N, C-alpha and C. Protein backbone atom coordinates (compact mmCIF):
# COMPACT_ATOMS: atom_id res chain seq x y z
N MET A 1 55.01 7.52 -14.95
CA MET A 1 54.45 7.53 -13.62
C MET A 1 53.60 8.76 -13.38
N THR A 2 53.91 9.88 -14.00
CA THR A 2 53.14 11.09 -13.75
C THR A 2 51.75 11.00 -14.37
N GLY A 3 51.54 10.13 -15.36
CA GLY A 3 50.23 9.97 -15.98
C GLY A 3 49.22 9.29 -15.06
N GLU A 4 49.69 8.54 -14.08
CA GLU A 4 48.81 7.84 -13.15
C GLU A 4 48.54 8.64 -11.89
N ARG A 5 49.11 9.75 -11.78
CA ARG A 5 48.96 10.57 -10.57
C ARG A 5 47.51 11.04 -10.45
N GLY A 6 46.87 10.79 -9.30
CA GLY A 6 45.49 11.18 -9.06
C GLY A 6 44.47 10.15 -9.51
N SER A 7 44.91 9.04 -10.08
CA SER A 7 43.96 8.03 -10.56
C SER A 7 43.22 7.36 -9.39
N ALA A 8 43.88 7.24 -8.25
CA ALA A 8 43.23 6.64 -7.08
C ALA A 8 42.07 7.52 -6.61
N THR A 9 42.22 8.82 -6.70
CA THR A 9 41.16 9.74 -6.30
C THR A 9 39.93 9.56 -7.20
N VAL A 10 40.16 9.43 -8.49
CA VAL A 10 39.05 9.22 -9.43
C VAL A 10 38.36 7.89 -9.15
N LEU A 11 39.15 6.86 -8.88
CA LEU A 11 38.59 5.54 -8.58
C LEU A 11 37.75 5.58 -7.30
N VAL A 12 38.24 6.23 -6.27
CA VAL A 12 37.51 6.34 -5.01
C VAL A 12 36.21 7.12 -5.21
N LEU A 13 36.26 8.19 -5.98
CA LEU A 13 35.05 8.96 -6.26
C LEU A 13 34.03 8.15 -7.04
N ALA A 14 34.49 7.37 -7.99
CA ALA A 14 33.59 6.51 -8.77
C ALA A 14 32.95 5.46 -7.88
N MET A 15 33.71 4.86 -7.00
CA MET A 15 33.17 3.86 -6.06
C MET A 15 32.16 4.49 -5.10
N ALA A 16 32.47 5.69 -4.63
CA ALA A 16 31.55 6.39 -3.73
C ALA A 16 30.23 6.71 -4.44
N ALA A 17 30.30 7.12 -5.69
CA ALA A 17 29.09 7.41 -6.47
C ALA A 17 28.28 6.14 -6.68
N LEU A 18 28.95 5.03 -6.95
CA LEU A 18 28.26 3.76 -7.14
C LEU A 18 27.58 3.32 -5.85
N LEU A 19 28.26 3.44 -4.74
CA LEU A 19 27.66 3.08 -3.46
C LEU A 19 26.47 3.98 -3.12
N ALA A 20 26.56 5.26 -3.44
CA ALA A 20 25.45 6.18 -3.21
C ALA A 20 24.24 5.80 -4.07
N LEU A 21 24.49 5.42 -5.31
CA LEU A 21 23.41 5.00 -6.20
C LEU A 21 22.73 3.74 -5.67
N VAL A 22 23.51 2.78 -5.21
CA VAL A 22 22.95 1.55 -4.64
C VAL A 22 22.12 1.87 -3.40
N ALA A 23 22.61 2.77 -2.56
CA ALA A 23 21.87 3.16 -1.36
C ALA A 23 20.54 3.82 -1.70
N VAL A 24 20.53 4.66 -2.71
CA VAL A 24 19.29 5.32 -3.14
C VAL A 24 18.30 4.29 -3.67
N LEU A 25 18.77 3.35 -4.47
CA LEU A 25 17.89 2.32 -5.01
C LEU A 25 17.31 1.43 -3.91
N LEU A 26 18.13 1.05 -2.94
CA LEU A 26 17.64 0.24 -1.83
C LEU A 26 16.64 1.00 -0.98
N SER A 27 16.87 2.28 -0.79
CA SER A 27 15.91 3.11 -0.04
C SER A 27 14.58 3.20 -0.77
N ALA A 28 14.63 3.34 -2.08
CA ALA A 28 13.40 3.39 -2.88
C ALA A 28 12.64 2.07 -2.80
N LEU A 29 13.35 0.97 -2.88
CA LEU A 29 12.69 -0.34 -2.77
C LEU A 29 12.07 -0.51 -1.39
N GLY A 30 12.75 -0.05 -0.37
CA GLY A 30 12.20 -0.11 0.99
C GLY A 30 10.94 0.72 1.12
N ALA A 31 10.95 1.91 0.56
CA ALA A 31 9.77 2.78 0.62
C ALA A 31 8.59 2.16 -0.11
N VAL A 32 8.85 1.51 -1.22
CA VAL A 32 7.78 0.85 -1.97
C VAL A 32 7.20 -0.31 -1.17
N ALA A 33 8.06 -1.09 -0.54
CA ALA A 33 7.60 -2.22 0.28
C ALA A 33 6.77 -1.74 1.46
N VAL A 34 7.22 -0.69 2.12
CA VAL A 34 6.47 -0.14 3.26
C VAL A 34 5.11 0.37 2.80
N THR A 35 5.05 1.04 1.67
CA THR A 35 3.78 1.55 1.15
C THR A 35 2.85 0.40 0.81
N ARG A 36 3.36 -0.66 0.26
CA ARG A 36 2.53 -1.83 -0.05
C ARG A 36 1.93 -2.42 1.21
N HIS A 37 2.72 -2.54 2.26
CA HIS A 37 2.21 -3.09 3.53
C HIS A 37 1.19 -2.15 4.16
N ARG A 38 1.44 -0.86 4.08
CA ARG A 38 0.47 0.11 4.61
C ARG A 38 -0.84 0.06 3.84
N ALA A 39 -0.76 -0.10 2.54
CA ALA A 39 -1.98 -0.20 1.73
C ALA A 39 -2.77 -1.45 2.11
N ALA A 40 -2.09 -2.56 2.33
CA ALA A 40 -2.77 -3.79 2.72
C ALA A 40 -3.43 -3.63 4.09
N SER A 41 -2.73 -3.02 5.02
CA SER A 41 -3.30 -2.79 6.36
C SER A 41 -4.50 -1.85 6.29
N THR A 42 -4.38 -0.80 5.50
CA THR A 42 -5.49 0.14 5.36
C THR A 42 -6.69 -0.53 4.71
N ALA A 43 -6.45 -1.37 3.72
CA ALA A 43 -7.55 -2.10 3.07
C ALA A 43 -8.24 -3.02 4.07
N ASP A 44 -7.46 -3.71 4.90
CA ASP A 44 -8.05 -4.58 5.91
C ASP A 44 -8.93 -3.79 6.88
N LEU A 45 -8.41 -2.67 7.36
CA LEU A 45 -9.18 -1.85 8.30
C LEU A 45 -10.42 -1.27 7.65
N ALA A 46 -10.32 -0.85 6.41
CA ALA A 46 -11.48 -0.29 5.71
C ALA A 46 -12.55 -1.37 5.51
N ALA A 47 -12.14 -2.58 5.16
CA ALA A 47 -13.09 -3.67 4.98
C ALA A 47 -13.77 -4.02 6.30
N LEU A 48 -13.01 -4.04 7.39
CA LEU A 48 -13.60 -4.33 8.70
C LEU A 48 -14.57 -3.23 9.13
N ALA A 49 -14.20 -1.98 8.87
CA ALA A 49 -15.09 -0.87 9.22
C ALA A 49 -16.38 -0.96 8.43
N ALA A 50 -16.29 -1.30 7.16
CA ALA A 50 -17.48 -1.42 6.32
C ALA A 50 -18.33 -2.62 6.74
N ALA A 51 -17.70 -3.74 7.04
CA ALA A 51 -18.44 -4.93 7.44
C ALA A 51 -19.17 -4.72 8.76
N ASP A 52 -18.61 -3.87 9.62
CA ASP A 52 -19.22 -3.60 10.91
C ASP A 52 -20.59 -2.94 10.76
N VAL A 53 -20.77 -2.15 9.71
CA VAL A 53 -22.04 -1.44 9.52
C VAL A 53 -22.74 -1.87 8.23
N ALA A 54 -22.37 -3.00 7.68
CA ALA A 54 -22.95 -3.44 6.40
C ALA A 54 -24.45 -3.70 6.49
N VAL A 55 -24.96 -4.03 7.67
CA VAL A 55 -26.39 -4.29 7.81
C VAL A 55 -27.22 -3.01 7.61
N ARG A 56 -26.58 -1.85 7.70
CA ARG A 56 -27.27 -0.58 7.49
C ARG A 56 -27.37 -0.20 6.01
N GLY A 57 -26.72 -0.93 5.16
CA GLY A 57 -26.80 -0.65 3.73
C GLY A 57 -25.44 -0.41 3.12
N ALA A 58 -25.39 -0.51 1.80
CA ALA A 58 -24.13 -0.37 1.07
C ALA A 58 -23.56 1.04 1.17
N ASP A 59 -24.44 2.05 1.14
CA ASP A 59 -23.95 3.44 1.21
C ASP A 59 -23.25 3.72 2.54
N VAL A 60 -23.85 3.26 3.62
CA VAL A 60 -23.26 3.48 4.95
C VAL A 60 -21.96 2.70 5.08
N ALA A 61 -21.95 1.46 4.58
CA ALA A 61 -20.75 0.63 4.67
C ALA A 61 -19.60 1.24 3.87
N CYS A 62 -19.88 1.68 2.66
CA CYS A 62 -18.83 2.25 1.82
C CYS A 62 -18.35 3.60 2.36
N ALA A 63 -19.24 4.35 3.00
CA ALA A 63 -18.82 5.61 3.63
C ALA A 63 -17.88 5.33 4.79
N ALA A 64 -18.16 4.28 5.56
CA ALA A 64 -17.26 3.90 6.66
C ALA A 64 -15.91 3.44 6.11
N ALA A 65 -15.93 2.70 5.01
CA ALA A 65 -14.68 2.25 4.38
C ALA A 65 -13.87 3.45 3.88
N ALA A 66 -14.56 4.42 3.29
CA ALA A 66 -13.87 5.61 2.78
C ALA A 66 -13.23 6.40 3.92
N ARG A 67 -13.93 6.54 5.04
CA ARG A 67 -13.35 7.25 6.20
C ARG A 67 -12.12 6.52 6.73
N ALA A 68 -12.20 5.20 6.81
CA ALA A 68 -11.05 4.43 7.29
C ALA A 68 -9.88 4.54 6.32
N ALA A 69 -10.16 4.55 5.03
CA ALA A 69 -9.08 4.68 4.04
C ALA A 69 -8.40 6.04 4.15
N VAL A 70 -9.19 7.10 4.31
CA VAL A 70 -8.61 8.44 4.44
C VAL A 70 -7.75 8.54 5.69
N ARG A 71 -8.20 7.93 6.77
CA ARG A 71 -7.40 7.95 8.01
C ARG A 71 -6.10 7.19 7.85
N GLY A 72 -6.09 6.22 6.95
CA GLY A 72 -4.87 5.47 6.67
C GLY A 72 -4.04 6.07 5.55
N ALA A 73 -4.36 7.30 5.17
CA ALA A 73 -3.64 8.03 4.11
C ALA A 73 -3.73 7.33 2.76
N ALA A 74 -4.89 6.74 2.49
CA ALA A 74 -5.12 6.06 1.22
C ALA A 74 -6.42 6.58 0.61
N GLU A 75 -6.71 6.07 -0.57
CA GLU A 75 -7.93 6.45 -1.27
C GLU A 75 -8.74 5.19 -1.55
N LEU A 76 -10.03 5.25 -1.24
CA LEU A 76 -10.90 4.12 -1.53
C LEU A 76 -11.22 4.13 -3.01
N GLN A 77 -10.80 3.09 -3.71
CA GLN A 77 -11.01 3.02 -5.15
C GLN A 77 -12.31 2.30 -5.50
N ASP A 78 -12.64 1.27 -4.73
CA ASP A 78 -13.85 0.50 -5.01
C ASP A 78 -14.38 -0.10 -3.72
N CYS A 79 -15.69 -0.22 -3.63
CA CYS A 79 -16.33 -0.81 -2.47
C CYS A 79 -17.55 -1.58 -2.96
N ARG A 80 -17.60 -2.86 -2.63
CA ARG A 80 -18.73 -3.70 -3.03
C ARG A 80 -19.29 -4.39 -1.79
N VAL A 81 -20.59 -4.36 -1.68
CA VAL A 81 -21.26 -5.02 -0.57
C VAL A 81 -22.15 -6.10 -1.14
N ASP A 82 -21.94 -7.33 -0.69
CA ASP A 82 -22.75 -8.47 -1.11
C ASP A 82 -23.33 -9.09 0.15
N GLY A 83 -24.52 -8.67 0.51
CA GLY A 83 -25.12 -9.12 1.76
C GLY A 83 -24.40 -8.46 2.92
N ASP A 84 -23.74 -9.27 3.74
CA ASP A 84 -22.96 -8.72 4.84
C ASP A 84 -21.46 -8.89 4.63
N VAL A 85 -21.06 -9.23 3.42
CA VAL A 85 -19.65 -9.35 3.06
C VAL A 85 -19.26 -8.13 2.23
N VAL A 86 -18.16 -7.50 2.62
CA VAL A 86 -17.70 -6.28 1.96
C VAL A 86 -16.33 -6.52 1.35
N GLU A 87 -16.14 -6.05 0.12
CA GLU A 87 -14.82 -6.09 -0.52
C GLU A 87 -14.44 -4.66 -0.90
N VAL A 88 -13.26 -4.26 -0.49
CA VAL A 88 -12.79 -2.90 -0.78
C VAL A 88 -11.45 -2.96 -1.51
N VAL A 89 -11.21 -1.92 -2.29
CA VAL A 89 -9.94 -1.74 -2.98
C VAL A 89 -9.43 -0.36 -2.61
N VAL A 90 -8.21 -0.29 -2.08
CA VAL A 90 -7.62 1.00 -1.73
C VAL A 90 -6.33 1.20 -2.51
N VAL A 91 -6.00 2.47 -2.72
CA VAL A 91 -4.77 2.86 -3.41
C VAL A 91 -4.02 3.81 -2.51
N GLN A 92 -2.73 3.57 -2.36
CA GLN A 92 -1.89 4.43 -1.54
C GLN A 92 -0.59 4.74 -2.28
N ARG A 93 -0.23 6.00 -2.27
CA ARG A 93 1.00 6.42 -2.95
C ARG A 93 2.12 6.61 -1.94
N PRO A 94 3.33 6.20 -2.31
CA PRO A 94 4.47 6.49 -1.43
C PRO A 94 4.77 7.99 -1.45
N GLY A 95 5.45 8.45 -0.44
CA GLY A 95 5.78 9.87 -0.35
C GLY A 95 6.90 10.26 -1.30
N GLY A 96 7.01 11.53 -1.52
CA GLY A 96 8.10 12.07 -2.33
C GLY A 96 7.94 11.81 -3.81
N VAL A 97 9.08 11.71 -4.47
CA VAL A 97 9.12 11.53 -5.93
C VAL A 97 8.51 10.19 -6.33
N LEU A 98 8.65 9.19 -5.49
CA LEU A 98 8.12 7.86 -5.83
C LEU A 98 6.60 7.89 -6.00
N GLY A 99 5.93 8.81 -5.32
CA GLY A 99 4.48 8.91 -5.45
C GLY A 99 4.03 9.28 -6.84
N ARG A 100 4.89 9.95 -7.58
CA ARG A 100 4.55 10.30 -8.97
C ARG A 100 4.69 9.12 -9.92
N LEU A 101 5.46 8.13 -9.51
CA LEU A 101 5.74 7.00 -10.39
C LEU A 101 4.67 5.91 -10.32
N GLY A 102 3.95 5.83 -9.22
CA GLY A 102 2.95 4.77 -9.11
C GLY A 102 2.36 4.71 -7.72
N ALA A 103 1.45 3.77 -7.55
CA ALA A 103 0.76 3.62 -6.27
C ALA A 103 0.62 2.14 -5.94
N ALA A 104 0.49 1.87 -4.66
CA ALA A 104 0.24 0.50 -4.20
C ALA A 104 -1.26 0.30 -4.13
N ARG A 105 -1.72 -0.84 -4.61
CA ARG A 105 -3.15 -1.17 -4.63
C ARG A 105 -3.34 -2.42 -3.78
N ALA A 106 -4.36 -2.40 -2.93
CA ALA A 106 -4.63 -3.55 -2.07
C ALA A 106 -6.12 -3.84 -2.04
N VAL A 107 -6.46 -5.12 -1.97
CA VAL A 107 -7.84 -5.57 -1.92
C VAL A 107 -8.03 -6.34 -0.62
N ALA A 108 -9.18 -6.09 0.04
CA ALA A 108 -9.48 -6.83 1.26
C ALA A 108 -10.97 -7.12 1.30
N ARG A 109 -11.30 -8.20 1.97
CA ARG A 109 -12.70 -8.60 2.11
C ARG A 109 -12.95 -8.94 3.56
N ALA A 110 -14.13 -8.54 4.06
CA ALA A 110 -14.48 -8.84 5.44
C ALA A 110 -15.97 -9.12 5.52
N GLY A 111 -16.31 -9.95 6.47
CA GLY A 111 -17.70 -10.30 6.71
C GLY A 111 -17.79 -11.04 8.02
N PRO A 112 -18.94 -11.60 8.29
CA PRO A 112 -19.11 -12.31 9.57
C PRO A 112 -18.32 -13.61 9.58
N GLY A 113 -17.96 -14.05 10.77
CA GLY A 113 -17.26 -15.33 10.92
C GLY A 113 -18.24 -16.47 10.91
N GLY A 114 -17.75 -17.67 11.11
CA GLY A 114 -18.61 -18.84 11.14
C GLY A 114 -18.70 -19.49 9.78
N SER A 115 -19.20 -20.70 9.75
CA SER A 115 -19.22 -21.45 8.49
C SER A 115 -20.17 -20.84 7.48
N GLU A 116 -21.30 -20.26 7.93
CA GLU A 116 -22.25 -19.67 6.99
C GLU A 116 -21.64 -18.46 6.29
N GLY A 117 -21.00 -17.56 7.05
CA GLY A 117 -20.37 -16.38 6.47
C GLY A 117 -19.20 -16.73 5.58
N GLU A 118 -18.44 -17.75 5.97
CA GLU A 118 -17.28 -18.14 5.16
C GLU A 118 -17.72 -18.73 3.83
N ALA A 119 -18.83 -19.44 3.81
CA ALA A 119 -19.30 -20.02 2.55
C ALA A 119 -19.72 -18.92 1.58
N ARG A 120 -20.36 -17.87 2.08
CA ARG A 120 -20.78 -16.79 1.21
C ARG A 120 -19.59 -15.97 0.75
N ALA A 121 -18.54 -15.86 1.57
CA ALA A 121 -17.38 -15.07 1.21
C ALA A 121 -16.47 -15.83 0.25
N GLY A 122 -16.71 -17.09 0.06
CA GLY A 122 -15.89 -17.87 -0.87
C GLY A 122 -14.56 -18.28 -0.26
N VAL A 123 -14.50 -18.37 1.05
CA VAL A 123 -13.25 -18.76 1.72
C VAL A 123 -13.16 -20.25 1.80
């Protein structure tokens, strides 16, 4: 009987460590999901900002997209203007240690509404 003394304490500590590990993993998955959604929202806003001024030229449109991406805490990776339709790619990193492991990438396209604009956008 004396050999089992304190075994419950070890078991409780092991369970607590396991629960802490699960909590850390779930928190990391949540942070990744939030970053992915933020990247998608930032890409949408950057594409809309670029499409708003696309008639002024590709340089002006891509500069507007870059400003919108920076305000959304992301980086504009690519910007393409085809007439008045703009496609942007943004990259956003999660905060903390997860930011060193990878980044969320999102693509968005914006242009004028209506059947003519939708046909050119390939919608």
